Amino acid sequence: MTKIIGHNQVIDIDKIVNSTTEKWINFTLSEVNDSLIRLGIFEGEFHWHHHDNEDEFFYVISGKLFLDVEDKTYELMPNQGYTVPRGVEHRTRAKEKTTVLMIEGNTVNPKGD
C-alpha cells in the first residue's frame, strides 16, 4: 500500500488515478484523528475477509463496485456509499476500473483479520 499523508497539501485524486497502472491498489490519503481516508483503485475481485474491531465505509467516485456482504450483493454506483459493520464477512469486486474512497480506523488491516 502506498502512503500519501494529506496534511497541509492538496490531494489530487484524478492525478493519482490517471498515473496508476495497477489493477488493485490502495493509497492512504490522510489520517484524520483515529481514522484513515483511503483511495482504492479496483479492477477484479478481492478475497473474502472481515475486520474484527473496525467498521469500513466505501464511497464510489467512479465506476461500479460490487460489494458482497455475507449472502447479499450491493451494486454501488458513483456517489453511493455503504458501511460494512465490524465482524461481517465481505469482499469487493469491480468489472472495470473503479475508484473508491474508504474510511476506516487507523488500526485496520486492509487485507482482513
PDB file of N, CA and C in Angstrom:
ATOM      1  N   MET A   1       0.844  -1.163   0.000  1.00  0.00           N
ATOM      2  CA  MET A   1       0.000   0.000   0.000  1.00  0.00           C
ATOM      3  C   MET A   1       0.897   1.235   0.000  1.00  0.00           C
ATOM      4  N   THR A   2       0.578   2.195  -0.836  1.00  0.00           N
ATOM      5  CA  THR A   2       1.326   3.436  -0.934  1.00  0.00           C
ATOM      6  C   THR A   2       0.742   4.437   0.049  1.00  0.00           C
ATOM      7  N   LYS A   3       1.594   5.174   0.730  1.00  0.00           N
ATOM      8  CA  LYS A   3       1.109   6.112   1.731  1.00  0.00           C
ATOM      9  C   LYS A   3       1.320   7.543   1.264  1.00  0.00           C
ATOM     10  N   ILE A   4       0.262   8.318   1.300  1.00  0.00           N
ATOM     11  CA  ILE A   4       0.317   9.737   0.978  1.00  0.00           C
ATOM     12  C   ILE A   4      -0.403  10.450   2.112  1.00  0.00           C
ATOM     13  N   ILE A   5       0.305  11.153   2.925  1.00  0.00           N
ATOM     14  CA  ILE A   5      -0.337  11.860   4.031  1.00  0.00           C
ATOM     15  C   ILE A   5      -0.744  13.245   3.560  1.00  0.00           C
ATOM     16  N   GLY A   6      -1.991  13.593   3.771  1.00  0.00           N
ATOM     17  CA  GLY A   6      -2.542  14.801   3.188  1.00  0.00           C
ATOM     18  C   GLY A   6      -2.685  15.989   4.106  1.00  0.00           C
ATOM     19  N   HIS A   7      -1.870  16.099   5.138  1.00  0.00           N
ATOM     20  CA  HIS A   7      -1.959  17.293   5.970  1.00  0.00           C
ATOM     21  C   HIS A   7      -1.250  18.444   5.273  1.00  0.00           C
ATOM     22  N   ASN A   8      -1.918  19.577   5.217  1.00  0.00           N
ATOM     23  CA  ASN A   8      -1.343  20.803   4.655  1.00  0.00           C
ATOM     24  C   ASN A   8      -0.900  20.668   3.211  1.00  0.00           C
ATOM     25  N   GLN A   9      -1.635  19.889   2.421  1.00  0.00           N
ATOM     26  CA  GLN A   9      -1.341  19.789   0.991  1.00  0.00           C
ATOM     27  C   GLN A   9      -2.613  19.436   0.236  1.00  0.00           C
ATOM     28  N   VAL A  10      -2.637  19.798  -1.026  1.00  0.00           N
ATOM     29  CA  VAL A  10      -3.771  19.465  -1.888  1.00  0.00           C
ATOM     30  C   VAL A  10      -3.596  18.035  -2.371  1.00  0.00           C
ATOM     31  N   ILE A  11      -4.662  17.247  -2.293  1.00  0.00           N
ATOM     32  CA  ILE A  11      -4.646  15.868  -2.783  1.00  0.00           C
ATOM     33  C   ILE A  11      -5.432  15.840  -4.082  1.00  0.00           C
ATOM     34  N   ASP A  12      -4.770  15.482  -5.164  1.00  0.00           N
ATOM     35  CA  ASP A  12      -5.387  15.461  -6.490  1.00  0.00           C
ATOM     36  C   ASP A  12      -5.716  14.014  -6.862  1.00  0.00           C
ATOM     37  N   ILE A  13      -6.964  13.604  -6.608  1.00  0.00           N
ATOM     38  CA  ILE A  13      -7.365  12.217  -6.846  1.00  0.00           C
ATOM     39  C   ILE A  13      -7.274  11.862  -8.324  1.00  0.00           C
ATOM     40  N   ASP A  14      -7.703  12.760  -9.205  1.00  0.00           N
ATOM     41  CA  ASP A  14      -7.599  12.475 -10.645  1.00  0.00           C
ATOM     42  C   ASP A  14      -6.157  12.200 -11.054  1.00  0.00           C
ATOM     43  N   LYS A  15      -5.230  12.978 -10.528  1.00  0.00           N
ATOM     44  CA  LYS A  15      -3.810  12.783 -10.859  1.00  0.00           C
ATOM     45  C   LYS A  15      -3.325  11.410 -10.382  1.00  0.00           C
ATOM     46  N   ILE A  16      -3.728  11.021  -9.182  1.00  0.00           N
ATOM     47  CA  ILE A  16      -3.334   9.710  -8.651  1.00  0.00           C
ATOM     48  C   ILE A  16      -3.916   8.598  -9.520  1.00  0.00           C
ATOM     49  N   VAL A  17      -5.206   8.685  -9.817  1.00  0.00           N
ATOM     50  CA  VAL A  17      -5.878   7.644 -10.609  1.00  0.00           C
ATOM     51  C   VAL A  17      -5.264   7.538 -12.000  1.00  0.00           C
ATOM     52  N   ASN A  18      -5.034   8.670 -12.649  1.00  0.00           N
ATOM     53  CA  ASN A  18      -4.511   8.662 -14.016  1.00  0.00           C
ATOM     54  C   ASN A  18      -3.065   8.203 -14.104  1.00  0.00           C
ATOM     55  N   SER A  19      -2.322   8.266 -13.002  1.00  0.00           N
ATOM     56  CA  SER A  19      -0.922   7.836 -13.030  1.00  0.00           C
ATOM     57  C   SER A  19      -0.742   6.395 -12.552  1.00  0.00           C
ATOM     58  N   THR A  20      -1.832   5.724 -12.227  1.00  0.00           N
ATOM     59  CA  THR A  20      -1.763   4.362 -11.695  1.00  0.00           C
ATOM     60  C   THR A  20      -2.115   3.349 -12.774  1.00  0.00           C
ATOM     61  N   THR A  21      -1.244   2.357 -12.948  1.00  0.00           N
ATOM     62  CA  THR A  21      -1.499   1.310 -13.943  1.00  0.00           C
ATOM     63  C   THR A  21      -1.895  -0.014 -13.298  1.00  0.00           C
ATOM     64  N   GLU A  22      -1.697  -0.137 -11.986  1.00  0.00           N
ATOM     65  CA  GLU A  22      -2.036  -1.376 -11.296  1.00  0.00           C
ATOM     66  C   GLU A  22      -3.547  -1.569 -11.242  1.00  0.00           C
ATOM     67  N   LYS A  23      -3.974  -2.834 -11.247  1.00  0.00           N
ATOM     68  CA  LYS A  23      -5.411  -3.130 -11.251  1.00  0.00           C
ATOM     69  C   LYS A  23      -6.020  -3.118  -9.850  1.00  0.00           C
ATOM     70  N   TRP A  24      -5.191  -3.205  -8.814  1.00  0.00           N
ATOM     71  CA  TRP A  24      -5.733  -3.223  -7.452  1.00  0.00           C
ATOM     72  C   TRP A  24      -4.719  -2.568  -6.535  1.00  0.00           C
ATOM     73  N   ILE A  25      -5.046  -1.373  -6.058  1.00  0.00           N
ATOM     74  CA  ILE A  25      -4.105  -0.654  -5.195  1.00  0.00           C
ATOM     75  C   ILE A  25      -4.873   0.256  -4.245  1.00  0.00           C
ATOM     76  N   ASN A  26      -4.319   0.437  -3.055  1.00  0.00           N
ATOM     77  CA  ASN A  26      -4.850   1.359  -2.055  1.00  0.00           C
ATOM     78  C   ASN A  26      -3.810   2.422  -1.754  1.00  0.00           C
ATOM     79  N   PHE A  27      -4.262   3.646  -1.589  1.00  0.00           N
ATOM     80  CA  PHE A  27      -3.412   4.741  -1.144  1.00  0.00           C
ATOM     81  C   PHE A  27      -4.021   5.303   0.129  1.00  0.00           C
ATOM     82  N   THR A  28      -3.210   5.553   1.148  1.00  0.00           N
ATOM     83  CA  THR A  28      -3.693   6.279   2.313  1.00  0.00           C
ATOM     84  C   THR A  28      -3.547   7.757   2.002  1.00  0.00           C
ATOM     85  N   LEU A  29      -4.672   8.435   1.856  1.00  0.00           N
ATOM     86  CA  LEU A  29      -4.645   9.854   1.511  1.00  0.00           C
ATOM     87  C   LEU A  29      -4.355  10.724   2.722  1.00  0.00           C
ATOM     88  N   SER A  30      -4.942  10.340   3.865  1.00  0.00           N
ATOM     89  CA  SER A  30      -4.769  11.152   5.058  1.00  0.00           C
ATOM     90  C   SER A  30      -5.193  10.365   6.290  1.00  0.00           C
ATOM     91  N   GLU A  31      -4.661  10.764   7.417  1.00  0.00           N
ATOM     92  CA  GLU A  31      -5.124  10.249   8.699  1.00  0.00           C
ATOM     93  C   GLU A  31      -5.794  11.406   9.422  1.00  0.00           C
ATOM     94  N   VAL A  32      -7.050  11.207   9.793  1.00  0.00           N
ATOM     95  CA  VAL A  32      -7.818  12.234  10.484  1.00  0.00           C
ATOM     96  C   VAL A  32      -8.194  11.672  11.847  1.00  0.00           C
ATOM     97  N   ASN A  33      -7.560  12.199  12.873  1.00  0.00           N
ATOM     98  CA  ASN A  33      -7.730  11.686  14.224  1.00  0.00           C
ATOM     99  C   ASN A  33      -7.430  10.190  14.231  1.00  0.00           C
ATOM    100  N   ASP A  34      -8.389   9.338  14.531  1.00  0.00           N
ATOM    101  CA  ASP A  34      -8.132   7.894  14.583  1.00  0.00           C
ATOM    102  C   ASP A  34      -8.629   7.161  13.347  1.00  0.00           C
ATOM    103  N   SER A  35      -8.891   7.884  12.269  1.00  0.00           N
ATOM    104  CA  SER A  35      -9.416   7.267  11.046  1.00  0.00           C
ATOM    105  C   SER A  35      -8.481   7.512   9.867  1.00  0.00           C
ATOM    106  N   LEU A  36      -8.482   6.551   8.943  1.00  0.00           N
ATOM    107  CA  LEU A  36      -7.735   6.686   7.698  1.00  0.00           C
ATOM    108  C   LEU A  36      -8.702   6.971   6.566  1.00  0.00           C
ATOM    109  N   ILE A  37      -8.302   7.859   5.675  1.00  0.00           N
ATOM    110  CA  ILE A  37      -9.028   8.116   4.435  1.00  0.00           C
ATOM    111  C   ILE A  37      -8.192   7.463   3.346  1.00  0.00           C
ATOM    112  N   ARG A  38      -8.752   6.441   2.698  1.00  0.00           N
ATOM    113  CA  ARG A  38      -8.011   5.698   1.685  1.00  0.00           C
ATOM    114  C   ARG A  38      -8.679   5.841   0.331  1.00  0.00           C
ATOM    115  N   LEU A  39      -7.841   5.767  -0.699  1.00  0.00           N
ATOM    116  CA  LEU A  39      -8.307   5.743  -2.072  1.00  0.00           C
ATOM    117  C   LEU A  39      -7.999   4.369  -2.628  1.00  0.00           C
ATOM    118  N   GLY A  40      -9.020   3.697  -3.133  1.00  0.00           N
ATOM    119  CA  GLY A  40      -8.831   2.394  -3.766  1.00  0.00           C
ATOM    120  C   GLY A  40      -9.095   2.492  -5.250  1.00  0.00           C
ATOM    121  N   ILE A  41      -8.217   1.878  -6.028  1.00  0.00           N
ATOM    122  CA  ILE A  41      -8.420   1.756  -7.468  1.00  0.00           C
ATOM    123  C   ILE A  41      -8.512   0.264  -7.722  1.00  0.00           C
ATOM    124  N   PHE A  42      -9.705  -0.192  -8.113  1.00  0.00           N
ATOM    125  CA  PHE A  42     -10.008  -1.618  -8.175  1.00  0.00           C
ATOM    126  C   PHE A  42     -10.411  -2.046  -9.572  1.00  0.00           C
ATOM    127  N   GLU A  43      -9.924  -3.209  -9.967  1.00  0.00           N
ATOM    128  CA  GLU A  43     -10.430  -3.928 -11.138  1.00  0.00           C
ATOM    129  C   GLU A  43     -10.138  -5.400 -10.882  1.00  0.00           C
ATOM    130  N   GLY A  44     -11.186  -6.202 -10.796  1.00  0.00           N
ATOM    131  CA  GLY A  44     -11.048  -7.603 -10.417  1.00  0.00           C
ATOM    132  C   GLY A  44     -11.782  -7.841  -9.111  1.00  0.00           C
ATOM    133  N   GLU A  45     -11.325  -8.839  -8.347  1.00  0.00           N
ATOM    134  CA  GLU A  45     -12.003  -9.104  -7.075  1.00  0.00           C
ATOM    135  C   GLU A  45     -11.001  -9.332  -5.960  1.00  0.00           C
ATOM    136  N   PHE A  46     -11.407  -8.955  -4.755  1.00  0.00           N
ATOM    137  CA  PHE A  46     -10.616  -9.133  -3.549  1.00  0.00           C
ATOM    138  C   PHE A  46     -11.140 -10.370  -2.827  1.00  0.00           C
ATOM    139  N   HIS A  47     -10.354 -10.916  -1.922  1.00  0.00           N
ATOM    140  CA  HIS A  47     -10.773 -12.126  -1.202  1.00  0.00           C
ATOM    141  C   HIS A  47     -11.785 -11.786  -0.090  1.00  0.00           C
ATOM    142  N   TRP A  48     -12.549 -12.804   0.296  1.00  0.00           N
ATOM    143  CA  TRP A  48     -13.470 -12.664   1.420  1.00  0.00           C
ATOM    144  C   TRP A  48     -12.653 -12.412   2.679  1.00  0.00           C
ATOM    145  N   HIS A  49     -13.123 -11.481   3.516  1.00  0.00           N
ATOM    146  CA  HIS A  49     -12.431 -11.176   4.761  1.00  0.00           C
ATOM    147  C   HIS A  49     -13.385 -10.415   5.688  1.00  0.00           C
ATOM    148  N   HIS A  50     -12.919 -10.158   6.884  1.00  0.00           N
ATOM    149  CA  HIS A  50     -13.668  -9.334   7.829  1.00  0.00           C
ATOM    150  C   HIS A  50     -12.663  -8.552   8.673  1.00  0.00           C
ATOM    151  N   HIS A  51     -13.173  -7.589   9.410  1.00  0.00           N
ATOM    152  CA  HIS A  51     -12.354  -6.813  10.334  1.00  0.00           C
ATOM    153  C   HIS A  51     -12.983  -6.964  11.716  1.00  0.00           C
ATOM    154  N   ASP A  52     -12.229  -7.511  12.656  1.00  0.00           N
ATOM    155  CA  ASP A  52     -12.768  -7.808  13.982  1.00  0.00           C
ATOM    156  C   ASP A  52     -13.257  -6.569  14.733  1.00  0.00           C
ATOM    157  N   ASN A  53     -12.514  -5.465  14.629  1.00  0.00           N
ATOM    158  CA  ASN A  53     -12.775  -4.320  15.500  1.00  0.00           C
ATOM    159  C   ASN A  53     -13.156  -3.030  14.790  1.00  0.00           C
ATOM    160  N   GLU A  54     -13.164  -3.016  13.468  1.00  0.00           N
ATOM    161  CA  GLU A  54     -13.401  -1.770  12.748  1.00  0.00           C
ATOM    162  C   GLU A  54     -14.515  -1.911  11.718  1.00  0.00           C
ATOM    163  N   ASP A  55     -15.369  -0.886  11.641  1.00  0.00           N
ATOM    164  CA  ASP A  55     -16.307  -0.755  10.530  1.00  0.00           C
ATOM    165  C   ASP A  55     -15.509  -0.244   9.333  1.00  0.00           C
ATOM    166  N   GLU A  56     -16.066  -0.408   8.130  1.00  0.00           N
ATOM    167  CA  GLU A  56     -15.381   0.060   6.918  1.00  0.00           C
ATOM    168  C   GLU A  56     -16.415   0.703   5.995  1.00  0.00           C
ATOM    169  N   PHE A  57     -16.154   1.950   5.596  1.00  0.00           N
ATOM    170  CA  PHE A  57     -17.060   2.697   4.730  1.00  0.00           C
ATOM    171  C   PHE A  57     -16.475   2.783   3.324  1.00  0.00           C
ATOM    172  N   PHE A  58     -17.300   2.475   2.319  1.00  0.00           N
ATOM    173  CA  PHE A  58     -16.920   2.551   0.907  1.00  0.00           C
ATOM    174  C   PHE A  58     -17.781   3.612   0.233  1.00  0.00           C
ATOM    175  N   TYR A  59     -17.157   4.487  -0.564  1.00  0.00           N
ATOM    176  CA  TYR A  59     -17.867   5.522  -1.316  1.00  0.00           C
ATOM    177  C   TYR A  59     -17.317   5.525  -2.737  1.00  0.00           C
ATOM    178  N   VAL A  60     -18.163   5.258  -3.712  1.00  0.00           N
ATOM    179  CA  VAL A  60     -17.716   5.140  -5.101  1.00  0.00           C
ATOM    180  C   VAL A  60     -17.604   6.528  -5.735  1.00  0.00           C
ATOM    181  N   ILE A  61     -16.431   6.792  -6.301  1.00  0.00           N
ATOM    182  CA  ILE A  61     -16.185   8.036  -7.037  1.00  0.00           C
ATOM    183  C   ILE A  61     -16.488   7.821  -8.513  1.00  0.00           C
ATOM    184  N   SER A  62     -15.966   6.727  -9.074  1.00  0.00           N
ATOM    185  CA  SER A  62     -16.212   6.419 -10.490  1.00  0.00           C
ATOM    186  C   SER A  62     -16.234   4.909 -10.676  1.00  0.00           C
ATOM    187  N   GLY A  63     -16.914   4.466 -11.722  1.00  0.00           N
ATOM    188  CA  GLY A  63     -17.031   3.036 -11.990  1.00  0.00           C
ATOM    189  C   GLY A  63     -18.217   2.435 -11.256  1.00  0.00           C
ATOM    190  N   LYS A  64     -18.158   1.130 -11.050  1.00  0.00           N
ATOM    191  CA  LYS A  64     -19.231   0.396 -10.372  1.00  0.00           C
ATOM    192  C   LYS A  64     -18.582  -0.632  -9.453  1.00  0.00           C
ATOM    193  N   LEU A  65     -18.944  -0.600  -8.178  1.00  0.00           N
ATOM    194  CA  LEU A  65     -18.383  -1.512  -7.186  1.00  0.00           C
ATOM    195  C   LEU A  65     -19.448  -2.511  -6.760  1.00  0.00           C
ATOM    196  N   PHE A  66     -19.114  -3.782  -6.848  1.00  0.00           N
ATOM    197  CA  PHE A  66     -19.965  -4.836  -6.305  1.00  0.00           C
ATOM    198  C   PHE A  66     -19.411  -5.171  -4.929  1.00  0.00           C
ATOM    199  N   LEU A  67     -20.244  -5.026  -3.916  1.00  0.00           N
ATOM    200  CA  LEU A  67     -19.848  -5.289  -2.543  1.00  0.00           C
ATOM    201  C   LEU A  67     -20.644  -6.487  -2.055  1.00  0.00           C
ATOM    202  N   ASP A  68     -19.955  -7.617  -1.932  1.00  0.00           N
ATOM    203  CA  ASP A  68     -20.579  -8.842  -1.435  1.00  0.00           C
ATOM    204  C   ASP A  68     -20.473  -8.832   0.083  1.00  0.00           C
ATOM    205  N   VAL A  69     -21.620  -8.868   0.753  1.00  0.00           N
ATOM    206  CA  VAL A  69     -21.678  -8.831   2.209  1.00  0.00           C
ATOM    207  C   VAL A  69     -22.458 -10.051   2.662  1.00  0.00           C
ATOM    208  N   GLU A  70     -21.732 -11.024   3.209  1.00  0.00           N
ATOM    209  CA  GLU A  70     -22.303 -12.300   3.605  1.00  0.00           C
ATOM    210  C   GLU A  70     -23.118 -12.893   2.461  1.00  0.00           C
ATOM    211  N   ASP A  71     -24.447 -12.892   2.515  1.00  0.00           N
ATOM    212  CA  ASP A  71     -25.239 -13.558   1.472  1.00  0.00           C
ATOM    213  C   ASP A  71     -25.963 -12.579   0.547  1.00  0.00           C
ATOM    214  N   LYS A  72     -25.492 -11.322   0.495  1.00  0.00           N
ATOM    215  CA  LYS A  72     -26.140 -10.312  -0.347  1.00  0.00           C
ATOM    216  C   LYS A  72     -25.080  -9.520  -1.111  1.00  0.00           C
ATOM    217  N   THR A  73     -25.433  -9.074  -2.317  1.00  0.00           N
ATOM    218  CA  THR A  73     -24.533  -8.238  -3.114  1.00  0.00           C
ATOM    219  C   THR A  73     -25.162  -6.867  -3.312  1.00  0.00           C
ATOM    220  N   TYR A  74     -24.381  -5.827  -3.018  1.00  0.00           N
ATOM    221  CA  TYR A  74     -24.793  -4.448  -3.252  1.00  0.00           C
ATOM    222  C   TYR A  74     -24.023  -3.933  -4.456  1.00  0.00           C
ATOM    223  N   GLU A  75     -24.711  -3.253  -5.344  1.00  0.00           N
ATOM    224  CA  GLU A  75     -24.098  -2.659  -6.526  1.00  0.00           C
ATOM    225  C   GLU A  75     -24.044  -1.154  -6.292  1.00  0.00           C
ATOM    226  N   LEU A  76     -22.843  -0.641  -6.080  1.00  0.00           N
ATOM    227  CA  LEU A  76     -22.677   0.774  -5.766  1.00  0.00           C
ATOM    228  C   LEU A  76     -22.200   1.538  -6.989  1.00  0.00           C
ATOM    229  N   MET A  77     -22.914   2.597  -7.300  1.00  0.00           N
ATOM    230  CA  MET A  77     -22.603   3.477  -8.419  1.00  0.00           C
ATOM    231  C   MET A  77     -21.937   4.745  -7.872  1.00  0.00           C
ATOM    232  N   PRO A  78     -21.413   5.615  -8.754  1.00  0.00           N
ATOM    233  CA  PRO A  78     -20.816   6.858  -8.268  1.00  0.00           C
ATOM    234  C   PRO A  78     -21.775   7.636  -7.365  1.00  0.00           C
ATOM    235  N   ASN A  79     -21.193   8.182  -6.317  1.00  0.00           N
ATOM    236  CA  ASN A  79     -21.908   8.970  -5.307  1.00  0.00           C
ATOM    237  C   ASN A  79     -22.795   8.120  -4.411  1.00  0.00           C
ATOM    238  N   GLN A  80     -22.521   6.818  -4.348  1.00  0.00           N
ATOM    239  CA  GLN A  80     -23.210   5.938  -3.403  1.00  0.00           C
ATOM    240  C   GLN A  80     -22.180   5.324  -2.458  1.00  0.00           C
ATOM    241  N   GLY A  81     -22.618   5.075  -1.234  1.00  0.00           N
ATOM    242  CA  GLY A  81     -21.728   4.508  -0.233  1.00  0.00           C
ATOM    243  C   GLY A  81     -22.408   3.432   0.584  1.00  0.00           C
ATOM    244  N   TYR A  82     -21.594   2.695   1.328  1.00  0.00           N
ATOM    245  CA  TYR A  82     -22.106   1.612   2.174  1.00  0.00           C
ATOM    246  C   TYR A  82     -21.102   1.393   3.304  1.00  0.00           C
ATOM    247  N   THR A  83     -21.611   1.171   4.519  1.00  0.00           N
ATOM    248  CA  THR A  83     -20.756   0.853   5.656  1.00  0.00           C
ATOM    249  C   THR A  83     -20.890  -0.621   5.999  1.00  0.00           C
ATOM    250  N   VAL A  84     -19.767  -1.327   6.000  1.00  0.00           N
ATOM    251  CA  VAL A  84     -19.727  -2.732   6.408  1.00  0.00           C
ATOM    252  C   VAL A  84     -19.417  -2.750   7.902  1.00  0.00           C
ATOM    253  N   PRO A  85     -20.322  -3.294   8.722  1.00  0.00           N
ATOM    254  CA  PRO A  85     -20.065  -3.345  10.156  1.00  0.00           C
ATOM    255  C   PRO A  85     -18.903  -4.286  10.494  1.00  0.00           C
ATOM    256  N   ARG A  86     -18.231  -3.986  11.571  1.00  0.00           N
ATOM    257  CA  ARG A  86     -17.139  -4.850  12.049  1.00  0.00           C
ATOM    258  C   ARG A  86     -17.627  -6.281  12.209  1.00  0.00           C
ATOM    259  N   GLY A  87     -16.741  -7.222  11.908  1.00  0.00           N
ATOM    260  CA  GLY A  87     -17.047  -8.636  12.072  1.00  0.00           C
ATOM    261  C   GLY A  87     -17.803  -9.278  10.921  1.00  0.00           C
ATOM    262  N   VAL A  88     -18.246  -8.495   9.933  1.00  0.00           N
ATOM    263  CA  VAL A  88     -19.057  -9.022   8.830  1.00  0.00           C
ATOM    264  C   VAL A  88     -18.152  -9.419   7.658  1.00  0.00           C
ATOM    265  N   GLU A  89     -18.306 -10.656   7.179  1.00  0.00           N
ATOM    266  CA  GLU A  89     -17.553 -11.129   6.010  1.00  0.00           C
ATOM    267  C   GLU A  89     -17.981 -10.344   4.778  1.00  0.00           C
ATOM    268  N   HIS A  90     -16.991  -9.905   4.003  1.00  0.00           N
ATOM    269  CA  HIS A  90     -17.296  -9.139   2.795  1.00  0.00           C
ATOM    270  C   HIS A  90     -16.140  -9.232   1.813  1.00  0.00           C
ATOM    271  N   ARG A  91     -16.429  -8.852   0.576  1.00  0.00           N
ATOM    272  CA  ARG A  91     -15.386  -8.697  -0.437  1.00  0.00           C
ATOM    273  C   ARG A  91     -15.872  -7.664  -1.443  1.00  0.00           C
ATOM    274  N   THR A  92     -14.925  -7.069  -2.147  1.00  0.00           N
ATOM    275  CA  THR A  92     -15.246  -6.099  -3.186  1.00  0.00           C
ATOM    276  C   THR A  92     -14.865  -6.668  -4.542  1.00  0.00           C
ATOM    277  N   ARG A  93     -15.660  -6.287  -5.562  1.00  0.00           N
ATOM    278  CA  ARG A  93     -15.401  -6.707  -6.946  1.00  0.00           C
ATOM    279  C   ARG A  93     -15.687  -5.533  -7.868  1.00  0.00           C
ATOM    280  N   ALA A  94     -14.917  -5.463  -8.946  1.00  0.00           N
ATOM    281  CA  ALA A  94     -15.149  -4.434  -9.964  1.00  0.00           C
ATOM    282  C   ALA A  94     -14.812  -5.026 -11.323  1.00  0.00           C
ATOM    283  N   LYS A  95     -15.758  -4.959 -12.244  1.00  0.00           N
ATOM    284  CA  LYS A  95     -15.546  -5.500 -13.594  1.00  0.00           C
ATOM    285  C   LYS A  95     -14.738  -4.545 -14.460  1.00  0.00           C
ATOM    286  N   GLU A  96     -14.700  -3.275 -14.069  1.00  0.00           N
ATOM    287  CA  GLU A  96     -13.944  -2.255 -14.791  1.00  0.00           C
ATOM    288  C   GLU A  96     -13.239  -1.393 -13.752  1.00  0.00           C
ATOM    289  N   LYS A  97     -12.316  -0.563 -14.184  1.00  0.00           N
ATOM    290  CA  LYS A  97     -11.584   0.303 -13.260  1.00  0.00           C
ATOM    291  C   LYS A  97     -12.575   1.138 -12.453  1.00  0.00           C
ATOM    292  N   THR A  98     -12.487   1.011 -11.139  1.00  0.00           N
ATOM    293  CA  THR A  98     -13.411   1.677 -10.228  1.00  0.00           C
ATOM    294  C   THR A  98     -12.607   2.389  -9.151  1.00  0.00           C
ATOM    295  N   THR A  99     -12.988   3.617  -8.862  1.00  0.00           N
ATOM    296  CA  THR A  99     -12.288   4.429  -7.867  1.00  0.00           C
ATOM    297  C   THR A  99     -13.195   4.604  -6.654  1.00  0.00           C
ATOM    298  N   VAL A 100     -12.639   4.305  -5.477  1.00  0.00           N
ATOM    299  CA  VAL A 100     -13.431   4.256  -4.251  1.00  0.00           C
ATOM    300  C   VAL A 100     -12.692   4.979  -3.128  1.00  0.00           C
ATOM    301  N   LEU A 101     -13.410   5.786  -2.354  1.00  0.00           N
ATOM    302  CA  LEU A 101     -12.879   6.302  -1.097  1.00  0.00           C
ATOM    303  C   LEU A 101     -13.313   5.357   0.008  1.00  0.00           C
ATOM    304  N   MET A 102     -12.402   5.085   0.931  1.00  0.00           N
ATOM    305  CA  MET A 102     -12.711   4.241   2.079  1.00  0.00           C
ATOM    306  C   MET A 102     -12.328   4.990   3.344  1.00  0.00           C
ATOM    307  N   ILE A 103     -13.164   4.869   4.355  1.00  0.00           N
ATOM    308  CA  ILE A 103     -12.864   5.443   5.660  1.00  0.00           C
ATOM    309  C   ILE A 103     -12.917   4.301   6.656  1.00  0.00           C
ATOM    310  N   GLU A 104     -11.842   4.178   7.433  1.00  0.00           N
ATOM    311  CA  GLU A 104     -11.754   3.076   8.393  1.00  0.00           C
ATOM    312  C   GLU A 104     -10.810   3.467   9.519  1.00  0.00           C
ATOM    313  N   GLY A 105     -10.870   2.738  10.603  1.00  0.00           N
ATOM    314  CA  GLY A 105      -9.997   3.005  11.734  1.00  0.00           C
ATOM    315  C   GLY A 105      -8.534   2.837  11.357  1.00  0.00           C
ATOM    316  N   ASN A 106      -7.666   3.585  12.039  1.00  0.00           N
ATOM    317  CA  ASN A 106      -6.247   3.531  11.693  1.00  0.00           C
ATOM    318  C   ASN A 106      -5.552   2.254  12.157  1.00  0.00           C
ATOM    319  N   THR A 107      -6.273   1.373  12.822  1.00  0.00           N
ATOM    320  CA  THR A 107      -5.693   0.087  13.224  1.00  0.00           C
ATOM    321  C   THR A 107      -6.114  -1.052  12.302  1.00  0.00           C
ATOM    322  N   VAL A 108      -6.920  -0.760  11.286  1.00  0.00           N
ATOM    323  CA  VAL A 108      -7.451  -1.810  10.414  1.00  0.00           C
ATOM    324  C   VAL A 108      -6.336  -2.436   9.581  1.00  0.00           C
ATOM    325  N   ASN A 109      -6.440  -3.739   9.394  1.00  0.00           N
ATOM    326  CA  ASN A 109      -5.594  -4.442   8.430  1.00  0.00           C
ATOM    327  C   ASN A 109      -6.406  -4.507   7.146  1.00  0.00           C
ATOM    328  N   PRO A 110      -5.993  -3.809   6.070  1.00  0.00           N
ATOM    329  CA  PRO A 110      -6.802  -3.770   4.851  1.00  0.00           C
ATOM    330  C   PRO A 110      -7.062  -5.136   4.233  1.00  0.00           C
ATOM    331  N   LYS A 111      -6.229  -6.121   4.558  1.00  0.00           N
ATOM    332  CA  LYS A 111      -6.415  -7.462   3.991  1.00  0.00           C
ATOM    333  C   LYS A 111      -7.333  -8.330   4.842  1.00  0.00           C
ATOM    334  N   GLY A 112      -7.754  -7.806   5.996  1.00  0.00           N
ATOM    335  CA  GLY A 112      -8.664  -8.547   6.869  1.00  0.00           C
ATOM    336  C   GLY A 112      -7.958  -9.133   8.070  1.00  0.00           C
ATOM    337  N   ASP A 113      -8.768  -9.544   9.061  1.00  0.00           N
ATOM    338  CA  ASP A 113      -8.242 -10.142  10.295  1.00  0.00           C
ATOM    339  C   ASP A 113      -8.339 -11.651  10.236  1.00  0.00           C
TER     340      ASP A 113
END
